[in-house]
Protein backbone atom coordinates (compact mmCIF):
# COMPACT_ATOMS: atom_id res chain seq x y z
CA MET A 1 23.85 2.87 34.60
CA TYR A 2 26.25 1.96 31.88
CA SER A 3 26.44 -1.54 30.79
CA ASP A 4 29.80 -3.36 31.43
CA GLN A 5 29.30 -5.47 28.09
CA ARG A 6 31.59 -3.23 25.94
CA ILE A 7 32.38 -3.42 22.15
CA ASP A 8 35.21 -5.78 21.92
CA GLU A 9 38.56 -4.15 20.67
CA ASP A 10 38.67 -6.66 17.85
CA ILE A 11 35.13 -5.70 16.47
CA ILE A 12 35.52 -1.99 16.26
CA VAL A 13 38.91 -0.31 15.93
CA ILE A 14 40.58 2.93 15.05
CA GLY A 15 40.12 3.98 11.64
CA ASP A 16 36.58 2.07 11.16
CA ARG A 17 33.88 4.43 9.72
CA VAL A 18 30.72 4.29 11.26
CA ASP A 19 27.25 5.95 11.26
CA LEU A 20 26.01 8.23 14.13
CA VAL A 21 22.28 8.51 14.49
CA VAL A 22 20.77 11.36 16.79
CA LYS A 23 17.46 11.37 18.33
CA THR A 24 15.92 13.00 15.27
CA GLY A 25 16.82 10.17 13.00
CA GLN A 26 19.36 12.05 11.17
CA VAL A 27 22.35 9.89 9.96
CA TYR A 28 25.97 11.43 9.93
CA ARG A 29 29.09 9.47 8.76
CA ALA A 30 32.03 9.49 10.99
CA MET A 31 35.29 7.74 11.65
CA ILE A 32 36.77 6.13 15.08
CA GLU A 33 39.79 8.27 15.75
CA ASP A 34 41.11 7.16 19.06
CA ARG A 35 40.26 5.13 22.25
CA ILE A 36 41.39 5.32 25.64
CA ASP A 37 41.96 1.54 26.72
CA ASN A 38 38.69 0.12 27.03
CA GLY A 39 36.91 3.42 27.60
CA PRO A 40 35.36 6.28 25.61
CA PHE A 41 36.00 6.60 21.66
CA LEU A 42 37.14 9.67 20.10
CA VAL A 43 35.15 10.66 17.01
CA GLY A 44 35.36 13.89 14.96
CA ILE A 45 32.04 15.78 14.98
CA PRO A 46 30.69 15.06 11.44
CA SER A 47 28.81 17.58 9.17
CA SER A 48 25.94 17.00 6.77
CA LYS A 49 25.49 19.43 3.59
CA GLY A 50 28.25 21.79 5.40
CA ILE A 51 26.17 21.87 8.66
CA PRO A 52 28.12 20.32 11.52
CA MET A 53 26.18 18.06 13.80
CA HIS A 54 24.51 19.59 17.06
CA VAL A 55 25.82 17.85 20.02
CA GLU A 56 26.32 18.68 23.50
CA SER A 57 27.78 16.82 26.46
CA GLY A 58 25.42 14.58 28.00
CA ASP A 59 23.71 13.81 24.80
CA ASP A 60 22.86 10.19 23.83
CA ILE A 61 23.30 8.95 20.29
CA TYR A 62 23.55 5.71 18.52
CA LEU A 63 26.73 4.35 16.93
CA VAL A 64 26.06 1.88 13.98
CA PHE A 65 28.84 -0.13 12.29
CA TYR A 66 28.77 -2.78 9.67
CA ARG A 67 30.32 -6.36 9.50
CA GLU A 68 29.78 -9.23 7.09
CA THR A 69 27.27 -10.69 9.52
CA GLY A 70 25.26 -7.72 9.39
CA ARG A 71 24.58 -4.32 11.12
CA TYR A 72 25.27 -3.42 14.42
CA ILE A 73 24.05 -0.74 16.82
CA ALA A 74 25.13 0.70 20.35
CA GLN A 75 23.89 3.43 22.30
CA MET A 76 26.52 5.98 23.30
CA ASN A 77 26.83 8.93 25.57
CA VAL A 78 28.61 12.19 24.78
CA VAL A 79 31.10 12.48 27.85
CA ALA A 80 33.07 15.28 26.67
CA LEU A 81 33.66 17.73 23.71
CA GLU A 82 37.01 18.76 22.53
CA ASN A 83 38.62 21.27 20.15
CA ARG A 84 41.82 20.43 18.22
CA GLY A 85 42.88 23.50 16.15
CA ALA A 86 39.73 24.14 13.75
CA ILE A 87 38.42 20.58 14.29
CA ARG A 88 35.98 19.65 17.03
CA TYR A 89 35.80 16.38 18.59
CA MET A 90 33.63 14.46 20.93
CA TRP A 91 34.33 11.50 23.21
CA LEU A 92 31.72 8.76 23.31
CA LEU A 93 31.19 6.07 26.02
CA GLN A 94 29.16 2.99 25.26
CA LYS A 95 25.95 2.55 27.42
CA THR A 96 24.61 -0.62 25.76
CA LYS A 97 25.97 -3.78 24.37
CA ALA A 98 26.38 -3.59 20.49
CA GLN A 99 23.35 -5.36 19.20
CA GLN A 100 22.82 -7.18 15.96
CA ASN A 101 20.34 -4.91 14.36
CA GLN A 102 20.06 -6.60 11.05
CA ARG A 103 19.66 -10.19 11.87
CA ARG A 104 21.00 -12.52 8.88
CA GLY A 105 23.69 -14.72 7.84
CA ALA A 106 25.44 -12.10 5.87
CA PHE A 107 25.39 -8.25 5.19
CA ARG A 108 22.93 -7.52 2.31
CA LEU A 109 23.84 -4.96 0.04
CA PRO A 110 20.76 -2.92 -1.45
CA VAL A 111 21.12 -2.76 -4.95
CA SER A 112 19.04 -2.97 -8.25
CA LEU A 113 20.35 -5.38 -10.75
CA ASN A 114 18.92 -7.02 -13.96
CA VAL A 115 18.82 -10.61 -13.53
CA HIS A 116 17.87 -13.56 -15.90
CA ILE A 117 16.01 -16.31 -14.22
CA ARG A 118 16.02 -19.71 -16.06
CA LYS A 119 14.91 -23.23 -14.96
CA TYR A 120 17.41 -25.51 -13.41
CA GLU A 121 17.26 -29.10 -14.52
CA GLU A 122 18.73 -31.54 -11.87
CA ASP A 123 19.38 -34.22 -14.55
CA GLU A 124 21.02 -31.61 -16.85
CA GLU A 125 24.64 -30.30 -16.07
CA ASP A 126 23.72 -26.99 -17.61
CA ILE A 127 26.18 -25.18 -15.52
CA LYS A 128 29.58 -26.73 -14.31
CA LYS A 129 31.67 -24.80 -11.86
CA ASP A 130 35.47 -25.16 -12.24
CA ASN A 131 37.95 -24.46 -9.46
CA LEU A 132 38.08 -20.74 -10.57
CA GLY A 133 34.34 -20.38 -10.20
CA LEU A 134 33.77 -19.83 -13.88
CA GLY A 135 30.39 -20.87 -15.51
CA LEU A 136 30.54 -23.09 -18.43
CA ILE A 137 27.45 -23.84 -20.48
CA ASP A 138 28.01 -26.53 -23.23
CA GLU A 139 24.63 -25.72 -24.96
CA PRO A 140 22.70 -22.54 -25.73
CA ALA A 141 21.15 -21.31 -22.70
CA PRO A 142 17.45 -21.68 -22.56
CA ALA A 143 14.91 -18.67 -22.49
CA PRO A 144 14.78 -16.94 -19.25
CA LEU A 145 11.45 -17.53 -17.57
CA GLU A 146 11.67 -13.72 -16.63
CA GLU A 147 13.90 -10.87 -15.91
CA ALA A 148 13.62 -9.58 -12.50
CA ASN A 149 15.34 -6.85 -10.42
CA THR A 150 17.34 -7.20 -7.37
CA ARG A 151 16.41 -5.67 -4.13
CA ASP A 152 19.56 -6.82 -2.29
CA ILE A 153 22.60 -9.11 -2.76
CA SER A 154 24.68 -10.93 -0.30
CA VAL A 155 27.30 -13.59 -0.05
CA THR A 156 24.77 -16.13 0.79
CA GLY A 157 21.58 -15.14 -1.17
CA ILE A 158 19.85 -12.75 -2.91
CA SER A 159 16.46 -11.03 -3.01
CA LEU A 160 14.25 -10.25 -6.22
CA LEU A 161 11.29 -8.58 -7.25
CA THR A 162 9.68 -11.25 -9.54
CA LYS A 163 6.39 -11.22 -11.82
CA LYS A 164 6.00 -14.81 -11.12
CA LYS A 165 5.32 -16.69 -7.97
CA TYR A 166 7.77 -19.61 -7.49
CA ALA A 167 7.60 -22.50 -5.15
CA LEU A 168 9.63 -22.72 -2.08
CA ASP A 169 12.76 -24.93 -2.72
CA GLU A 170 12.47 -24.56 -6.69
CA LYS A 171 16.02 -24.34 -8.09
CA PHE A 172 16.90 -21.78 -10.77
CA ILE A 173 19.83 -20.45 -12.77
CA LEU A 174 20.40 -16.72 -12.23
CA SER A 175 22.62 -14.56 -14.61
CA MET A 176 23.35 -11.18 -13.81
CA ASP A 177 26.36 -8.49 -14.68
CA LEU A 178 28.32 -7.94 -11.45
CA ASP A 179 31.21 -6.49 -13.38
CA MET A 180 33.60 -9.16 -11.88
CA THR A 181 35.79 -11.66 -13.59
CA PRO A 182 34.45 -12.91 -17.01
CA ALA A 183 32.96 -15.95 -17.23
CA ILE A 184 33.57 -18.44 -20.29
CA ILE A 185 30.52 -19.28 -21.87
CA ARG A 186 30.30 -22.07 -24.42
CA VAL A 187 27.52 -21.69 -27.00
CA ARG A 188 27.48 -24.49 -29.78
CA GLN A 189 31.09 -25.25 -28.65
CA LEU A 190 32.23 -21.74 -29.45
CA PRO A 191 33.73 -20.12 -26.17
CA ILE A 192 32.46 -16.51 -25.80
CA SER A 193 33.79 -14.31 -22.94
CA THR A 194 31.25 -12.33 -20.85
CA THR A 195 31.11 -10.49 -17.48
CA GLU A 196 27.81 -12.14 -16.67
CA THR A 197 27.74 -13.88 -13.39
CA ILE A 198 26.00 -17.03 -13.15
CA LEU A 199 24.84 -18.64 -10.09
CA THR A 200 22.38 -21.45 -8.84
CA ALA A 201 19.86 -20.65 -6.16
CA THR A 202 17.09 -22.05 -4.30
CA VAL A 203 13.77 -20.55 -3.54
CA LYS A 204 13.31 -19.74 0.31
CA ARG A 205 10.78 -17.13 0.28
CA CYS A 206 7.94 -15.86 -2.26
CA ILE A 207 5.36 -13.53 -0.97
CA PRO A 208 3.30 -10.63 -2.55
CA TRP A 209 4.95 -7.30 -2.79
CA ARG A 210 2.80 -4.32 -2.44
CA THR A 211 0.59 -5.81 -5.12
CA ASP A 212 -0.72 -9.07 -6.22
CA ASN A 213 1.21 -8.97 -9.47
CA MET A 214 4.56 -8.60 -7.84
CA PHE A 215 6.57 -10.98 -5.38
CA ASN A 216 9.60 -10.54 -3.22
CA THR A 217 11.35 -13.66 -3.72
CA GLY A 218 14.56 -14.74 -1.51
CA MET A 219 16.88 -17.17 -2.96
CA HIS A 220 19.94 -18.67 -1.40
CA TYR A 221 22.91 -20.02 -3.39
CA PHE A 222 23.90 -23.52 -3.54
CA GLY A 223 26.75 -25.38 -5.70
CA LEU A 224 29.05 -22.15 -5.32
CA THR A 225 32.76 -22.61 -5.38
CA LYS A 226 35.19 -20.94 -2.90
CA SER A 227 36.30 -18.73 -5.47
CA MET A 228 32.80 -17.49 -6.78
CA SER A 229 31.82 -16.80 -2.95
CA GLU A 230 34.63 -14.80 -2.33
CA SER A 231 34.07 -12.77 -5.58
CA ILE A 232 30.59 -12.01 -4.56
CA ALA A 233 31.99 -10.87 -1.07
CA LYS A 234 34.34 -8.71 -2.83
CA TYR A 235 31.65 -7.30 -5.02
CA VAL A 236 29.45 -6.50 -2.03
CA LEU A 237 32.47 -4.77 -0.12
CA THR A 238 33.50 -2.88 -3.10
CA GLU A 239 30.11 -1.50 -3.74
CA GLN A 240 29.71 -0.44 -0.02
CA GLN A 241 33.22 1.32 -0.30
CA LYS A 242 32.11 3.15 -3.56
CA ARG A 243 28.84 4.41 -1.87
CA VAL A 244 30.81 5.65 1.16
CA LYS A 245 33.18 7.75 -1.04
CA ARG A 246 30.24 9.18 -3.02
CA VAL A 247 28.56 10.53 0.10
CA GLY A 248 31.85 11.51 1.36
CA TRP A 249 33.28 12.00 5.10
CA HIS A 250 32.59 15.41 5.88
CA ARG A 251 34.42 17.01 9.08
CA ARG A 252 35.09 20.10 10.76
């Protein structure tokens, strides 16, 4: 029996790009082409490496879509197949409520970036944020405690693979190149323009990662201006769109 808890029209709309997951676990990229009132969704049958997705009327598949608050998944049923010229379509009727499959405050973008971790001193205003969200450093930056690589990044925090074990609630200065608005750094009173993004963050998780010599360290930002938060959100969204374009949306 189909659930009467439907995907709200303002959550997923015509033109949204989604993932379709078949029972074998293979993922296909597709797009919502149309919808009948609050009923079935019309989706073009996608292809992978030139081979169309095998689907028959009555099949159950999963529809996955992404929002800033995370990844959502709903079970769908193929209620009809349709040919329109050379393009094949299917009508998908929702069977279950869209569940938040990735439970977190913001969508995390899996990405590997090089990050310098520096100690944050409460009584020293090493980093000052103006209303543009630019980092201003009045003295030479202290040597980094270490260089780490990110596992993922979101608008609220960052996950790093570190060689050091850090204490919960420790505060740090993170610098990385997100290829965003150049920051102005003052070194010995000489302003230098750089593309490095400078953030302040607090450790919320630090657990062993596969070996005792590596740690999965999760940090939440603090002291971010609205402009900097918007810049990080823009970066995450832009990178998602780049990946979608690289994969391509193949349809027959």
